[in-house]
């Protein structure tokens, strides 16, 4: 049988089959030996084949992970040098950001955009809590919106409290599989409660079949939107620890820098202090926003090159 993984707790999974029945599934032992480098070989959003273990108990064993068309990776929460697949088979990824209570840093936003570009997933920036914004925050929002839309990103302003912008947001989610992420406190739970009345992330428990509950916050869970489409929630996403990226590659994931790279004097230019750098020239001429270049340098400085 084939099914779609809706939830993971690390060792057990909820899989929905083609008839809509849910199965509590574990991974077949042989899967763990197939040179899978991530800490979680099966991810939410994966299409899998499985064998029924018990019809009465609705338990099953996952025997194969079907090919993914994309996925998003991050550093494992517990192992710095291992990967953790956040979710698979995505149409887009949505970052919930706020300009007040709490304030999302531009650095966090730009890391999110780099991660989306690395894994070929369309990003969407949504600024929540518009009901709290005064002129200072609105000016900042307009500056960010102008900067990001000018380089091809979609930016929305919403309030889960008043409903501002929520219809437009829902339209962008319809019939798509969307990964939802953002700092704690930005209002993800409020958005989820708007779309799925009755769910409560804080009091959600893990059923007895899983055996464990203490680590559920590091794994994703998928929900079906009533009008079509799916939302994958990612609790515990505090930072995008970019993996599998070199200093040399980083500029390829800044959309405004990528077209300029062939014009640099050196083909291994890192756009820091090299002569004849087309990226630095564009920054000086105002064709690349200075704040984005500062973000680039900050991320560049944080990348640890692998030692071979």
Protein backbone atom coordinates (compact mmCIF):
# COMPACT_ATOMS: atom_id res chain seq x y z
CA UNK A 1 0.00 0.00 0.00
CA UNK A 2 1.07 3.60 -0.49
CA UNK A 3 0.45 6.53 1.80
CA UNK A 4 1.47 10.03 2.85
CA UNK A 5 3.34 10.75 6.10
CA UNK A 6 1.40 13.28 8.18
CA UNK A 7 3.31 13.19 11.47
CA UNK A 8 6.56 11.96 12.94
CA UNK A 9 7.83 11.53 16.47
CA UNK A 10 11.22 10.21 15.41
CA UNK A 11 10.53 6.50 15.53
CA UNK A 12 6.78 6.31 14.81
CA UNK A 13 4.80 7.93 12.00
CA UNK A 14 1.17 8.63 11.14
CA UNK A 15 0.57 7.59 7.53
CA UNK A 16 -2.63 8.31 5.58
CA UNK A 17 -3.45 5.79 2.84
CA UNK A 18 -5.23 6.50 -0.45
CA UNK A 19 -8.62 5.78 1.16
CA UNK A 20 -8.01 8.31 3.93
CA UNK A 21 -7.35 5.79 6.71
CA UNK A 22 -4.64 6.62 9.23
CA UNK A 23 -2.01 4.07 10.22
CA UNK A 24 0.48 4.16 13.10
CA UNK A 25 3.62 3.07 11.31
CA UNK A 26 7.19 2.31 12.20
CA UNK A 27 10.16 2.02 9.88
CA UNK A 28 11.35 -1.30 8.57
CA UNK A 29 14.81 -2.00 10.03
CA UNK A 30 16.53 -2.33 6.66
CA UNK A 31 15.70 1.30 5.82
CA UNK A 32 18.06 2.46 8.55
CA UNK A 33 21.01 0.85 6.74
CA UNK A 34 20.60 2.53 3.35
CA UNK A 35 23.25 5.24 3.78
CA UNK A 36 20.68 7.84 4.83
CA UNK A 37 22.68 10.62 6.46
CA UNK A 38 19.82 12.50 8.10
CA UNK A 39 18.71 11.83 11.67
CA UNK A 40 15.17 11.14 10.40
CA UNK A 41 15.11 9.04 7.20
CA UNK A 42 11.31 9.38 6.90
CA UNK A 43 9.92 12.93 6.90
CA UNK A 44 6.47 14.52 6.95
CA UNK A 45 5.32 14.92 3.35
CA UNK A 46 7.03 11.73 2.20
CA UNK A 47 5.15 9.30 0.00
CA UNK A 48 5.85 5.79 1.28
CA UNK A 49 4.90 2.19 0.68
CA UNK A 50 3.92 0.20 3.75
CA UNK A 51 2.73 -3.20 4.87
CA UNK A 52 -0.17 -3.65 7.27
CA UNK A 53 0.93 -5.16 10.57
CA UNK A 54 -2.43 -5.23 12.37
CA UNK A 55 -5.78 -4.13 10.90
CA UNK A 56 -7.39 -4.06 14.34
CA UNK A 57 -4.69 -1.86 15.87
CA UNK A 58 -4.16 0.10 12.62
CA UNK A 59 -0.41 -0.48 12.75
CA UNK A 60 1.90 -0.81 9.77
CA UNK A 61 5.54 -1.04 8.72
CA UNK A 62 7.06 1.42 6.21
CA UNK A 63 9.03 -0.53 3.60
CA UNK A 64 10.07 2.14 1.10
CA UNK A 65 10.37 5.92 0.76
CA UNK A 66 9.27 6.97 -2.73
CA UNK A 67 11.42 9.52 -4.62
CA UNK A 68 11.09 13.11 -3.34
CA UNK A 69 10.83 16.05 -5.72
CA UNK A 70 12.31 18.30 -3.01
CA UNK A 71 12.82 18.65 0.73
CA UNK A 72 14.16 21.14 3.26
CA UNK A 73 17.08 20.23 5.49
CA UNK A 74 18.52 21.85 8.60
CA UNK A 75 21.05 21.04 11.28
CA UNK A 76 19.91 18.26 13.57
CA UNK A 77 18.65 19.76 16.85
CA UNK A 78 20.93 17.39 18.79
CA UNK A 79 23.84 16.68 16.45
CA UNK A 80 25.54 19.72 14.93
CA UNK A 81 27.15 17.81 12.07
CA UNK A 82 24.10 15.74 11.14
CA UNK A 83 21.12 16.72 9.01
CA UNK A 84 17.45 16.78 9.91
CA UNK A 85 14.90 16.73 7.08
CA UNK A 86 12.20 19.22 8.08
CA UNK A 87 9.66 18.20 5.42
CA UNK A 88 9.46 16.78 1.90
CA UNK A 89 7.54 17.30 -1.36
CA UNK A 90 6.70 20.98 -0.86
CA UNK A 91 5.14 23.52 -3.20
CA UNK A 92 6.14 26.51 -1.09
CA UNK A 93 7.48 27.55 2.30
CA UNK A 94 5.99 30.35 4.38
CA UNK A 95 7.92 32.30 6.98
CA UNK A 96 5.81 34.01 9.64
CA UNK A 97 7.70 37.10 10.76
CA UNK A 98 6.83 39.98 13.10
CA UNK A 99 8.13 43.51 13.57
CA UNK A 100 7.00 43.72 17.19
CA UNK A 101 6.45 41.32 20.12
CA UNK A 102 8.83 39.71 19.10
CA UNK A 103 10.88 41.33 16.34
CA UNK A 104 12.13 38.99 13.62
CA UNK A 105 15.62 39.92 12.49
CA UNK A 106 16.40 40.46 8.84
CA UNK A 107 19.25 38.00 9.25
CA UNK A 108 16.77 35.26 10.13
CA UNK A 109 14.61 36.16 7.12
CA UNK A 110 17.60 36.05 4.76
CA UNK A 111 18.74 32.67 6.11
CA UNK A 112 15.22 31.41 5.43
CA UNK A 113 15.41 32.69 1.84
CA UNK A 114 18.81 31.04 1.32
CA UNK A 115 17.43 27.72 2.62
CA UNK A 116 14.42 27.97 0.29
CA UNK A 117 16.68 28.66 -2.70
CA UNK A 118 19.02 25.79 -1.79
CA UNK A 119 16.16 23.30 -1.79
CA UNK A 120 14.23 24.75 -4.74
CA UNK A 121 11.13 25.66 -2.74
CA UNK A 122 9.21 28.87 -3.44
CA UNK A 123 9.30 31.17 -0.37
CA UNK A 124 6.55 33.45 0.93
CA UNK A 125 7.13 36.12 3.61
CA UNK A 126 4.16 36.87 5.86
CA UNK A 127 4.38 39.62 8.47
CA UNK A 128 1.83 38.90 11.21
CA UNK A 129 0.48 41.06 14.07
CA UNK A 130 -0.36 44.04 11.84
CA UNK A 131 -2.87 45.08 14.53
CA UNK A 132 0.06 45.98 16.82
CA UNK A 133 1.98 48.08 14.32
CA UNK A 134 2.24 51.84 14.70
CA UNK A 135 3.86 54.20 12.20
CA UNK A 136 7.39 53.09 13.11
CA UNK A 137 6.63 49.42 12.38
CA UNK A 138 4.63 50.26 9.23
CA UNK A 139 7.56 52.28 7.88
CA UNK A 140 9.85 49.33 8.55
CA UNK A 141 7.38 46.95 6.90
CA UNK A 142 7.16 49.12 3.78
CA UNK A 143 10.96 49.27 3.57
CA UNK A 144 11.25 45.48 3.85
CA UNK A 145 8.37 44.88 1.46
CA UNK A 146 9.95 47.18 -1.12
CA UNK A 147 13.36 45.53 -0.74
CA UNK A 148 12.10 41.95 -1.00
CA UNK A 149 9.50 42.45 -3.73
CA UNK A 150 12.11 44.25 -5.87
CA UNK A 151 14.17 41.03 -5.94
CA UNK A 152 11.23 38.76 -6.71
CA UNK A 153 9.80 37.66 -3.36
CA UNK A 154 6.15 37.80 -2.35
CA UNK A 155 5.41 39.67 0.89
CA UNK A 156 2.07 39.85 2.75
CA UNK A 157 0.91 41.79 5.81
CA UNK A 158 -1.69 40.02 7.99
CA UNK A 159 -3.28 39.96 11.41
CA UNK A 160 -4.59 36.68 12.76
CA UNK A 161 -6.44 38.76 15.38
CA UNK A 162 -8.39 41.15 13.12
CA UNK A 163 -8.38 39.05 9.95
CA UNK A 164 -6.48 41.64 7.92
CA UNK A 165 -4.93 40.05 4.83
CA UNK A 166 -6.08 36.56 5.81
CA UNK A 167 -8.26 36.00 2.72
CA UNK A 168 -5.35 36.80 0.41
CA UNK A 169 -3.06 34.55 2.43
CA UNK A 170 -5.54 31.68 2.31
CA UNK A 171 -5.76 32.04 -1.47
CA UNK A 172 -1.99 31.58 -1.75
CA UNK A 173 -2.22 28.37 0.31
CA UNK A 174 -5.11 26.73 -1.55
CA UNK A 175 -4.26 23.45 -3.31
CA UNK A 176 -0.58 23.68 -2.33
CA UNK A 177 1.58 21.91 0.25
CA UNK A 178 3.08 24.70 2.38
CA UNK A 179 5.75 24.46 5.06
CA UNK A 180 5.04 26.90 7.91
CA UNK A 181 7.94 28.18 9.98
CA UNK A 182 9.00 31.06 12.18
CA UNK A 183 10.27 32.01 15.62
CA UNK A 184 8.29 31.16 18.73
CA UNK A 185 5.83 33.95 19.51
CA UNK A 186 5.22 35.21 15.96
CA UNK A 187 1.65 33.88 15.92
CA UNK A 188 1.92 30.57 14.09
CA UNK A 189 -0.47 28.98 16.58
CA UNK A 190 -3.00 31.78 16.03
CA UNK A 191 -2.83 31.23 12.28
CA UNK A 192 -3.23 27.48 12.69
CA UNK A 193 -6.22 27.94 14.99
CA UNK A 194 -7.79 30.23 12.38
CA UNK A 195 -7.35 27.66 9.63
CA UNK A 196 -8.06 24.61 11.80
CA UNK A 197 -10.44 25.56 14.64
CA UNK A 198 -9.98 23.38 17.69
CA UNK A 199 -6.34 22.36 17.34
CA UNK A 200 -3.98 23.51 20.04
CA UNK A 201 -0.26 23.00 19.58
CA UNK A 202 0.56 23.65 23.23
CA UNK A 203 -1.69 20.95 24.65
CA UNK A 204 -1.27 18.44 21.86
CA UNK A 205 -0.28 15.04 23.16
CA UNK A 206 1.24 12.00 21.56
CA UNK A 207 -0.91 8.87 21.56
CA UNK A 208 0.13 5.86 23.55
CA UNK A 209 1.28 3.98 20.46
CA UNK A 210 4.35 6.17 20.10
CA UNK A 211 5.77 5.39 23.51
CA UNK A 212 7.43 8.82 23.79
CA UNK A 213 6.23 12.38 23.87
CA UNK A 214 9.11 14.52 25.04
CA UNK A 215 10.71 15.11 21.63
CA UNK A 216 7.63 15.82 19.50
CA UNK A 217 8.38 19.53 19.23
CA UNK A 218 11.38 18.89 16.98
CA UNK A 219 9.23 17.19 14.32
CA UNK A 220 6.72 18.48 11.81
CA UNK A 221 3.02 17.71 11.42
CA UNK A 222 0.74 18.13 8.40
CA UNK A 223 -2.87 19.34 8.34
CA UNK A 224 -5.43 19.35 5.49
CA UNK A 225 -6.94 22.73 4.62
CA UNK A 226 -10.75 22.51 4.17
CA UNK A 227 -10.63 24.30 0.79
CA UNK A 228 -7.77 22.12 -0.50
CA UNK A 229 -4.09 22.13 0.25
CA UNK A 230 -1.90 21.13 3.18
CA UNK A 231 -0.02 23.00 5.90
CA UNK A 232 3.07 21.49 7.52
CA UNK A 233 3.82 23.04 10.90
CA UNK A 234 7.38 23.08 12.21
CA UNK A 235 7.38 23.79 15.97
CA UNK A 236 10.76 24.47 17.50
CA UNK A 237 12.33 26.13 14.44
CA UNK A 238 14.46 28.72 16.21
CA UNK A 239 17.22 29.13 13.65
CA UNK A 240 18.10 27.96 10.18
CA UNK A 241 21.35 26.11 10.63
CA UNK A 242 22.28 25.93 6.96
CA UNK A 243 23.87 22.62 5.99
CA UNK A 244 25.66 21.41 2.87
CA UNK A 245 26.62 24.92 1.78
CA UNK A 246 30.10 26.30 1.12
CA UNK A 247 31.28 29.90 1.22
CA UNK A 248 31.76 29.66 -2.53
CA UNK A 249 28.11 28.68 -3.11
CA UNK A 250 26.37 31.20 -0.85
CA UNK A 251 26.07 34.06 -3.37
CA UNK A 252 24.27 31.71 -5.78
CA UNK A 253 21.35 31.70 -3.33
CA UNK A 254 21.01 35.50 -3.19
CA UNK A 255 18.73 36.14 -6.16
CA UNK A 256 20.04 39.65 -6.84
CA UNK A 257 23.68 38.52 -6.77
CA UNK A 258 23.44 35.43 -8.94
CA UNK A 259 23.16 37.23 -12.34
CA UNK A 260 26.28 39.26 -11.53
CA UNK A 261 28.60 36.38 -10.62
CA UNK A 262 30.02 35.85 -14.15
CA UNK A 263 31.13 39.50 -14.14
CA UNK A 264 33.48 39.13 -11.16
CA UNK A 265 37.19 39.18 -12.00
CA UNK A 266 37.77 35.90 -10.17
CA UNK A 267 35.53 32.87 -10.64
CA UNK A 268 35.97 31.94 -6.97
CA UNK A 269 35.14 35.44 -5.74
CA UNK A 270 33.46 35.53 -2.33
CA UNK A 271 32.54 39.23 -2.73
CA UNK A 272 34.34 40.27 0.42
CA UNK A 273 37.66 41.98 -0.34
CA UNK A 274 38.56 40.69 -3.80
CA UNK A 275 39.36 43.19 -6.58
CA UNK A 276 37.09 43.42 -9.61
CA UNK A 277 34.02 42.21 -7.72
CA UNK A 278 30.76 42.87 -9.59
CA UNK A 279 28.67 42.30 -6.46
CA UNK A 280 30.50 44.91 -4.39
CA UNK A 281 30.24 47.34 -7.29
CA UNK A 282 26.46 46.76 -7.43
CA UNK A 283 26.21 47.44 -3.69
CA UNK A 284 28.14 50.69 -4.09
CA UNK A 285 25.88 51.75 -6.96
CA UNK A 286 22.70 50.90 -5.03
CA UNK A 287 21.67 48.03 -7.30
CA UNK A 288 21.99 45.59 -4.39
CA UNK A 289 20.53 46.71 -1.08
CA UNK A 290 23.22 47.32 1.53
CA UNK A 291 21.22 45.45 4.20
CA UNK A 292 21.10 42.35 2.02
CA UNK A 293 24.86 42.54 1.47
CA UNK A 294 25.39 42.83 5.24
CA UNK A 295 23.23 39.71 5.69
CA UNK A 296 25.31 37.94 3.06
CA UNK A 297 28.56 38.77 4.89
CA UNK A 298 27.09 37.64 8.22
CA UNK A 299 26.00 34.28 6.78
CA UNK A 300 29.33 33.92 4.96
CA UNK A 301 31.16 34.40 8.24
CA UNK A 302 29.03 31.73 9.94
CA UNK A 303 29.72 28.98 7.40
CA UNK A 304 32.18 26.41 8.62
CA UNK A 305 34.10 24.88 5.76
CA UNK A 306 34.43 21.12 5.92
CA UNK A 307 37.91 19.78 6.45
CA UNK A 308 38.91 16.96 4.14
